Protein backbone atom coordinates (compact mmCIF):
# COMPACT_ATOMS: atom_id res chain seq x y z
CA MET A 1 -244.91 132.12 -12.65
CA THR A 2 -244.70 135.56 -11.27
CA LEU A 3 -246.09 137.68 -8.51
CA VAL A 4 -246.13 141.38 -9.29
CA ARG A 5 -246.62 144.07 -6.68
CA LEU A 6 -247.92 147.29 -8.17
CA THR A 7 -246.63 150.37 -6.35
CA GLN A 8 -248.76 153.19 -7.66
CA THR A 9 -246.66 155.55 -5.58
CA THR A 10 -243.58 154.93 -3.48
CA ALA A 11 -243.92 158.16 -1.55
CA LEU A 12 -246.58 156.70 0.73
CA VAL A 13 -244.56 153.74 1.99
CA ALA A 14 -242.90 155.59 4.81
CA VAL A 15 -245.67 157.98 5.78
CA LEU A 16 -249.00 156.19 5.82
CA SER A 17 -250.34 155.11 9.20
CA ALA A 18 -253.23 152.90 10.20
CA CYS A 19 -256.60 154.40 10.99
CA GLU A 20 -260.19 153.32 11.50
CA ALA A 21 -261.73 151.91 8.31
CA ARG A 22 -264.53 154.07 6.89
CA ALA A 23 -267.06 153.53 4.15
CA ASP A 24 -266.39 156.09 1.46
CA LYS A 25 -267.10 156.99 -2.15
CA LEU A 26 -263.95 158.18 -3.83
CA THR A 27 -263.65 159.92 -7.21
CA ILE A 28 -260.12 159.86 -8.57
CA GLN A 29 -258.37 161.28 -11.62
CA GLU A 30 -256.81 158.70 -13.97
CA ASP A 31 -255.13 159.09 -17.37
CA GLU A 32 -258.37 157.97 -19.06
CA GLY A 33 -260.56 160.30 -17.02
CA GLU A 34 -262.37 160.29 -13.70
CA ARG A 35 -263.31 157.08 -11.86
CA THR A 36 -265.55 156.69 -8.81
CA ILE A 37 -265.04 153.75 -6.48
CA GLU A 38 -266.94 152.69 -3.39
CA GLY A 39 -265.39 151.01 -0.39
CA ASN A 40 -263.40 151.84 2.70
CA VAL A 41 -260.35 153.88 3.58
CA LEU A 42 -257.89 151.45 5.16
CA THR A 43 -255.13 153.91 5.97
CA SER A 44 -254.30 157.58 5.42
CA ASP A 45 -251.60 160.10 6.24
CA SER A 46 -251.58 163.71 7.37
CA ALA A 47 -251.07 164.88 3.77
CA GLY A 48 -254.36 163.33 2.66
CA ASN A 49 -252.96 160.33 0.75
CA LEU A 50 -255.08 157.19 1.03
CA LEU A 51 -255.03 153.41 0.81
CA PHE A 52 -258.54 152.52 -0.33
CA GLU A 53 -260.18 149.10 -0.63
CA SER A 54 -262.95 148.93 -3.23
CA ARG A 55 -265.85 146.49 -2.99
CA ASP A 56 -264.11 143.89 -5.16
CA ALA A 57 -261.23 143.78 -2.60
CA ARG A 58 -258.89 145.73 -4.85
CA HIS A 59 -256.45 148.08 -3.13
CA TRP A 60 -255.88 151.58 -4.47
CA VAL A 61 -253.00 153.78 -3.36
CA VAL A 62 -254.22 157.30 -4.12
CA THR A 63 -252.18 160.46 -3.68
CA LYS A 64 -254.04 163.60 -2.62
CA ASP A 65 -253.53 165.31 -5.99
CA LYS A 66 -255.47 162.50 -7.71
CA ILE A 67 -258.51 162.83 -5.43
CA VAL A 68 -261.32 164.73 -7.19
CA LYS A 69 -264.05 164.14 -4.64
CA HIS A 70 -264.25 162.24 -1.37
CA GLU A 71 -267.69 161.48 0.10
CA LYS A 72 -267.29 160.06 3.57
CA SER A 73 -269.72 157.81 5.38
CA ALA A 74 -269.96 156.83 9.02
CA THR A 75 -270.80 153.18 8.30
CA PRO A 76 -268.53 150.57 6.69
CA THR A 77 -269.29 149.43 3.17
CA PRO A 78 -269.16 145.63 2.87
CA LEU A 79 -267.37 143.87 0.05
CA TRP A 80 -269.67 142.67 -2.72
CA LYS A 81 -271.44 139.39 -2.20
CA ALA A 82 -271.18 136.80 -4.94
CA PRO A 83 -274.15 137.97 -7.09
CA GLU A 84 -273.03 141.62 -6.92
CA LEU A 85 -269.43 140.70 -7.71
CA LYS A 86 -270.49 138.54 -10.67
CA ALA A 87 -272.60 141.35 -12.11
CA ALA A 88 -269.78 143.89 -11.65
CA LEU A 89 -267.26 141.63 -13.38
CA ALA A 90 -269.63 140.98 -16.29
CA LYS A 91 -270.04 144.73 -16.75
CA GLU A 92 -266.31 145.39 -16.44
CA TYR A 93 -265.17 142.79 -19.00
CA GLY A 94 -268.05 143.06 -21.45
CA LYS A 95 -269.77 140.74 -23.90
CA ASP A 96 -266.65 138.91 -25.07
CA PHE A 97 -266.19 137.38 -21.60
CA LYS A 98 -268.30 135.10 -19.44
CA VAL A 99 -268.27 134.87 -15.65
CA THR A 100 -268.45 131.36 -14.23
CA GLU A 101 -268.87 130.84 -10.51
CA THR A 102 -267.25 127.66 -9.22
CA GLY A 103 -266.75 126.92 -5.55
CA HIS A 104 -264.73 129.70 -3.92
CA TYR A 105 -263.90 131.41 -7.22
CA MET A 106 -265.28 133.68 -9.90
CA ILE A 107 -263.68 132.80 -13.24
CA VAL A 108 -263.83 135.60 -15.82
CA HIS A 109 -263.02 134.00 -19.17
CA SER A 110 -262.88 134.37 -22.91
CA CYS A 111 -262.00 130.68 -23.19
CA SER A 112 -264.67 127.96 -23.16
CA VAL A 113 -266.80 127.27 -20.10
CA ASP A 114 -265.29 123.76 -19.90
CA THR A 115 -261.76 125.20 -19.79
CA ALA A 116 -262.82 127.70 -17.14
CA ARG A 117 -264.41 124.98 -15.03
CA GLU A 118 -261.27 122.82 -15.26
CA ALA A 119 -259.25 125.80 -14.07
CA GLY A 120 -261.77 126.31 -11.27
CA LYS A 121 -261.37 122.72 -10.07
CA LEU A 122 -257.64 123.19 -9.67
CA LEU A 123 -258.02 126.60 -8.04
CA ASN A 124 -260.43 125.20 -5.46
CA ARG A 125 -258.18 122.21 -4.81
CA ALA A 126 -255.22 124.53 -4.32
CA GLN A 127 -257.13 126.60 -1.76
CA GLY A 128 -258.27 123.45 0.03
CA GLN A 129 -254.74 122.03 0.19
CA PHE A 130 -253.41 125.34 1.48
CA PHE A 131 -255.93 125.41 4.32
CA PHE A 132 -255.37 121.73 5.12
CA PHE A 133 -251.61 122.08 5.36
CA PHE A 134 -251.43 125.26 7.40
CA GLU A 135 -254.43 124.85 9.69
CA ARG A 136 -254.57 121.07 10.12
CA LYS A 137 -250.89 120.25 9.82
CA SER A 138 -249.15 123.42 11.02
CA GLY A 139 -251.64 125.09 13.36
CA PHE A 140 -251.37 128.41 11.52
CA LYS A 141 -254.62 130.34 11.96
CA LEU A 142 -255.95 131.45 8.57
CA GLN A 143 -258.91 133.65 7.69
CA LYS A 144 -261.42 132.64 5.06
CA PRO A 145 -261.45 135.00 2.05
CA LYS A 146 -264.13 137.66 2.47
CA GLN A 147 -265.58 137.09 -1.01
CA PRO A 148 -265.01 134.73 -3.97
CA LEU A 149 -261.51 135.09 -5.36
CA ILE A 150 -261.19 136.25 -8.96
CA ALA A 151 -259.25 134.55 -11.76
CA VAL A 152 -259.23 135.82 -15.34
CA VAL A 153 -258.53 133.16 -18.00
CA PHE A 154 -257.91 134.31 -21.58
CA GLU A 155 -258.38 132.19 -24.69
CA ASP A 156 -254.78 132.59 -25.83
CA ARG A 157 -251.40 134.02 -24.91
CA ARG A 158 -251.72 137.04 -27.20
CA GLN A 159 -254.91 138.18 -25.46
CA TYR A 160 -253.32 137.52 -22.06
CA GLN A 161 -250.24 139.62 -22.82
CA GLU A 162 -252.30 142.45 -24.25
CA HIS A 163 -254.36 142.71 -21.07
CA VAL A 164 -251.67 142.06 -18.46
CA SER A 165 -249.24 144.51 -20.08
CA LYS A 166 -251.63 147.28 -18.99
CA PHE A 167 -250.53 146.51 -15.42
CA ILE A 168 -246.91 145.37 -15.74
CA GLY A 169 -245.74 146.56 -19.16
CA ARG A 170 -243.39 144.41 -21.21
CA THR A 171 -242.78 142.13 -18.22
CA ALA A 172 -245.99 140.39 -19.33
CA GLU A 173 -244.06 138.83 -22.22
CA MET A 174 -241.93 136.89 -19.73
CA THR A 175 -244.82 135.49 -17.72
CA LEU A 176 -247.08 132.47 -18.12
CA GLY A 177 -249.44 133.68 -15.43
CA VAL A 178 -249.44 136.37 -12.78
CA PHE A 179 -251.07 137.35 -9.50
CA ILE A 180 -251.13 141.08 -8.74
CA PRO A 181 -251.78 141.64 -4.99
CA SER A 182 -253.11 145.20 -5.28
CA VAL A 183 -255.61 144.16 -8.00
CA ASN A 184 -256.18 140.85 -6.17
CA ARG A 185 -256.66 138.85 -9.38
CA ILE A 186 -254.93 135.96 -11.08
CA TYR A 187 -254.39 136.26 -14.83
CA LEU A 188 -253.92 133.08 -16.88
CA TYR A 189 -254.50 131.82 -20.42
CA ASN A 190 -255.52 128.62 -22.19
CA ALA A 191 -252.25 126.87 -23.04
CA PHE A 192 -253.85 125.24 -26.09
CA GLY A 193 -255.61 128.30 -27.46
CA GLY A 194 -254.54 130.49 -30.36
CA ASP A 195 -251.07 130.07 -31.85
CA GLU A 196 -249.97 127.50 -29.26
CA GLY A 197 -252.88 125.24 -30.12
CA ARG A 198 -252.19 125.61 -33.83
CA ARG A 199 -248.53 124.65 -33.33
CA VAL A 200 -249.52 121.44 -31.57
CA GLU A 201 -252.01 120.67 -34.33
CA MET A 202 -249.34 121.19 -37.02
CA ALA A 203 -246.82 119.09 -35.08
CA SER A 204 -249.28 116.21 -34.83
CA LYS A 205 -249.46 116.05 -38.62
CA VAL A 206 -245.67 115.69 -38.87
CA ASN A 207 -244.78 113.64 -35.79
CA SER A 208 -247.56 112.44 -33.52
CA GLN A 209 -245.19 111.27 -30.78
CA PHE A 210 -243.44 114.64 -30.65
CA ALA A 211 -246.82 116.39 -30.60
CA ARG A 212 -247.90 114.29 -27.60
CA GLN A 213 -244.69 115.15 -25.78
CA MET A 214 -245.20 118.83 -26.58
CA SER A 215 -248.79 118.71 -25.36
CA GLY A 216 -247.77 116.94 -22.16
CA HIS A 217 -245.11 119.53 -21.41
CA MET A 218 -247.49 122.41 -22.11
CA LEU A 219 -250.18 120.91 -19.90
CA GLU A 220 -247.76 120.28 -17.03
CA GLN A 221 -246.41 123.82 -17.31
CA ASN A 222 -249.94 125.23 -17.40
CA ILE A 223 -250.99 123.32 -14.27
CA SER A 224 -247.83 124.32 -12.39
CA THR A 225 -248.35 127.99 -13.27
CA LEU A 226 -252.02 127.93 -12.24
CA ILE A 227 -251.21 126.35 -8.87
CA HIS A 228 -248.31 128.74 -8.29
CA GLU A 229 -250.46 131.82 -8.85
CA ALA A 230 -253.38 130.32 -6.91
CA ILE A 231 -251.15 129.85 -3.86
CA HIS A 232 -249.98 133.46 -4.10
CA GLN A 233 -253.60 134.62 -4.16
CA VAL A 234 -254.86 132.44 -1.34
CA ALA A 235 -251.82 133.30 0.83
CA TYR A 236 -252.55 137.03 0.43
CA ASN A 237 -256.28 136.58 1.10
CA THR A 238 -256.13 134.39 4.20
CA GLY A 239 -253.66 136.35 6.31
CA PHE A 240 -250.67 134.14 5.61
CA HIS A 241 -249.14 137.17 3.85
CA ASN A 242 -250.04 140.73 4.80
CA ARG A 243 -251.49 142.27 1.63
CA LYS A 244 -251.44 145.89 2.75
CA LEU A 245 -248.34 146.75 0.74
CA VAL A 246 -245.95 145.42 3.34
CA GLU A 247 -242.47 144.75 2.00
CA LEU A 248 -242.18 140.97 2.13
CA PRO A 249 -239.01 138.96 1.44
CA LEU A 250 -239.36 137.69 -2.12
CA TRP A 251 -237.75 134.32 -1.35
CA LEU A 252 -240.47 133.69 1.23
CA VAL A 253 -243.37 134.65 -1.07
CA GLU A 254 -242.08 132.74 -4.09
CA GLY A 255 -240.77 129.81 -2.07
CA MET A 256 -244.25 129.22 -0.65
CA ALA A 257 -245.87 129.21 -4.10
CA MET A 258 -243.21 126.84 -5.44
CA TYR A 259 -243.66 124.52 -2.45
CA PHE A 260 -247.15 123.69 -3.73
CA GLU A 261 -246.64 123.97 -7.51
CA THR A 262 -245.11 120.54 -8.22
CA THR A 263 -247.25 118.60 -10.68
CA ASP A 264 -247.89 114.86 -10.83
CA VAL A 265 -248.86 113.48 -14.24
CA ASN A 266 -250.28 110.34 -12.63
CA ALA A 267 -252.64 112.25 -10.32
CA LYS A 268 -256.16 113.38 -11.08
CA HIS A 269 -256.01 116.70 -12.97
CA GLY A 270 -252.19 116.41 -12.93
CA TRP A 271 -251.71 117.67 -9.36
CA LYS A 272 -252.20 116.16 -5.93
CA GLY A 273 -251.13 118.92 -3.60
CA GLY A 274 -247.45 119.57 -4.23
CA LYS A 275 -245.26 119.68 -1.10
CA THR A 276 -242.94 117.12 -2.72
CA ILE A 277 -239.57 117.47 -4.40
CA ASN A 278 -239.81 119.80 -7.38
CA PRO A 279 -237.62 118.08 -10.01
CA GLY A 280 -236.91 121.18 -12.09
CA ARG A 281 -236.06 123.39 -9.11
CA ALA A 282 -233.99 120.62 -7.47
CA GLU A 283 -231.99 120.04 -10.65
CA LEU A 284 -231.16 123.74 -10.95
CA PHE A 285 -230.13 123.87 -7.30
CA ARG A 286 -227.84 120.85 -7.69
CA ALA A 287 -226.25 122.45 -10.74
CA SER A 288 -225.50 125.75 -9.00
CA TYR A 289 -225.03 125.33 -5.24
CA ARG A 290 -221.32 124.41 -5.49
CA ASN A 291 -220.71 127.89 -6.88
CA TYR A 292 -222.36 129.66 -3.95
CA GLU A 293 -220.10 131.96 -1.99
CA ARG A 294 -220.07 132.01 1.78
CA GLY A 295 -222.99 134.10 3.05
CA PHE A 296 -225.49 133.08 0.35
CA ILE A 297 -228.28 132.43 2.86
CA GLU A 298 -227.89 135.90 4.35
CA ASP A 299 -227.87 137.35 0.86
CA LEU A 300 -231.12 135.52 0.05
CA LEU A 301 -232.73 136.82 3.26
CA VAL A 302 -231.84 140.48 2.86
CA ARG A 303 -231.87 141.07 -0.93
CA ASP A 304 -234.56 140.30 -3.49
CA ASP A 305 -232.26 140.99 -6.45
CA ARG A 306 -231.33 137.35 -6.90
CA LEU A 307 -234.91 136.56 -7.89
CA ARG A 308 -235.66 139.80 -9.73
CA ASP A 309 -232.61 139.96 -12.01
CA PRO A 310 -233.31 137.95 -15.21
CA ALA A 311 -229.66 136.86 -15.25
CA THR A 312 -229.94 135.11 -11.86
CA ALA A 313 -233.70 134.53 -11.50
CA SER A 314 -233.73 130.82 -12.44
CA GLU A 315 -230.99 130.01 -9.94
CA GLY A 316 -232.55 132.33 -7.36
CA TYR A 317 -235.95 130.69 -7.61
CA ALA A 318 -234.33 127.26 -7.32
CA LEU A 319 -232.57 128.32 -4.12
CA ALA A 320 -235.76 129.88 -2.73
CA TRP A 321 -237.68 126.64 -3.37
CA THR A 322 -234.93 124.44 -1.91
CA PHE A 323 -234.54 126.59 1.20
CA THR A 324 -238.31 126.72 1.75
CA TYR A 325 -238.60 122.95 1.23
CA TYR A 326 -235.82 122.30 3.73
CA LEU A 327 -237.21 124.66 6.37
CA LEU A 328 -240.73 123.22 6.16
CA LYS A 329 -239.37 119.69 6.46
CA HIS A 330 -236.95 120.37 9.34
CA HIS A 331 -238.01 123.66 10.98
CA GLN A 332 -241.73 123.93 10.41
CA LYS A 333 -242.61 125.55 13.74
CA GLU A 334 -239.78 128.06 13.45
CA TYR A 335 -240.85 128.84 9.88
CA MET A 336 -244.39 129.63 11.06
CA ASP A 337 -243.01 131.83 13.84
CA PHE A 338 -240.95 133.67 11.23
CA VAL A 339 -244.03 134.33 9.06
CA LYS A 340 -245.91 135.63 12.09
CA LEU A 341 -243.06 137.99 12.97
CA ILE A 342 -243.11 139.42 9.46
CA ASN A 343 -246.90 139.83 9.47
CA ALA A 344 -246.75 141.68 12.78
CA ARG A 345 -244.57 144.42 11.33
CA LYS A 346 -245.98 147.92 11.06
CA GLU A 347 -247.85 148.39 7.83
CA PHE A 348 -246.09 150.47 5.17
CA SER A 349 -242.77 150.42 6.98
CA SER A 350 -239.69 149.44 5.01
CA TYR A 351 -238.07 146.11 5.89
CA SER A 352 -234.42 146.88 6.49
CA ARG A 353 -231.51 144.45 6.22
CA SER A 354 -230.99 144.48 9.98
CA ALA A 355 -234.70 143.88 10.67
CA ARG A 356 -234.82 140.94 8.26
CA LEU A 357 -231.83 139.33 9.92
CA ALA A 358 -233.16 140.00 13.42
CA ASP A 359 -236.52 138.38 12.64
CA PHE A 360 -234.82 135.32 11.13
CA GLU A 361 -232.51 134.84 14.11
CA LYS A 362 -235.36 135.36 16.58
CA ALA A 363 -237.54 132.73 14.87
CA PHE A 364 -234.89 130.13 14.04
CA LYS A 365 -232.61 130.70 17.04
CA LYS A 366 -229.52 130.73 14.83
CA SER A 367 -227.70 133.04 12.48
CA PRO A 368 -227.89 132.72 8.69
CA SER A 369 -224.27 131.50 8.78
CA GLU A 370 -225.15 128.70 11.19
CA MET A 371 -228.22 127.83 9.13
CA GLU A 372 -226.09 127.79 5.97
CA ASP A 373 -223.86 124.98 7.26
CA GLU A 374 -226.83 122.95 8.45
CA PHE A 375 -228.75 123.54 5.23
CA LEU A 376 -225.98 122.44 2.87
CA GLU A 377 -225.37 119.29 4.88
CA GLY A 378 -229.02 118.36 5.31
CA VAL A 379 -230.59 119.36 1.98
CA LYS A 380 -228.45 116.98 -0.08
CA LYS A 381 -229.74 114.07 1.99
CA LEU A 382 -233.28 115.40 1.71
CA LEU A 383 -233.13 115.69 -2.08
CA ASP A 384 -231.56 112.24 -2.37
CA GLY A 385 -234.37 110.75 -0.25
CA LYS A 386 -232.14 109.81 2.67
């Protein structure tokens, strides 16, 4: 359950500035050869480096030395409409994949159509729940995605890792699903395809009860991962998160996805909207919070290392979920103000320690230290249902 931000170059972060969007045709040099993409320049700098949005809503950070040819146009190029997007995806992925349109999504898949449609049902429900909670319940103004969102579902884990590793390297081996903001696609796989499916089949021949338990765990994990990545994608495509390579606090991004991910085996399709106590995350928090040193909330706010370091990631994610859950239960308005402050930051600017703290204190009207005392006292009651 991972969000990966691709930074094709870090040199642009401090120097790019916003400009009028133009419709352009851009030919760039890649390792495999030249590629031509159509779309719009979103931002540029005086050195000629560009942030370019192609017609499938993918973002490309292109340094001047990689630009082979740049044909400029005076009129904006719209994103592809559904039929154009479907045709482009079919061409991109080839004959071994199908493209199934379902609701607000395009599912590119090597798995069965039935599996793709089941994934589509959950993806559409996740988007609907996200809109319902933030617009109807929280008054946060969201934008509808400009085109169908794209999810790629592979038949098995091997195929998934092989494809995703092209973007994130060996990190793919540690993921069950991923959303990559710059590519703007979710990548998932059929939990019961390939080797995983064969293991369940073999287990059922030895111990049917164990096989059922294994299948139930795999299904629950698969649903949770799908919802988690779906929330990342919808948050970045509705204006809840600023997708233009802004440095966002990782606890905020992951905490939001975890807030919705909680499954419910008794609900239709195994999920009814999340927003409830996440048993796994809560258990990890209970097991670790007594070891927290003074200042742990400030540390969570200003450093992403706690969630990125494999040695502390599980505990870090548990804290991010618990803190998000607490804030949305007890400080929902202030939380929304905090998100708006972050989104209003200048695009491509770094998010310093002092700026992170200042935004938090402005939104919540208290310091991280003051919030820490309140949080530790209140969250135990919240998790115990009091």
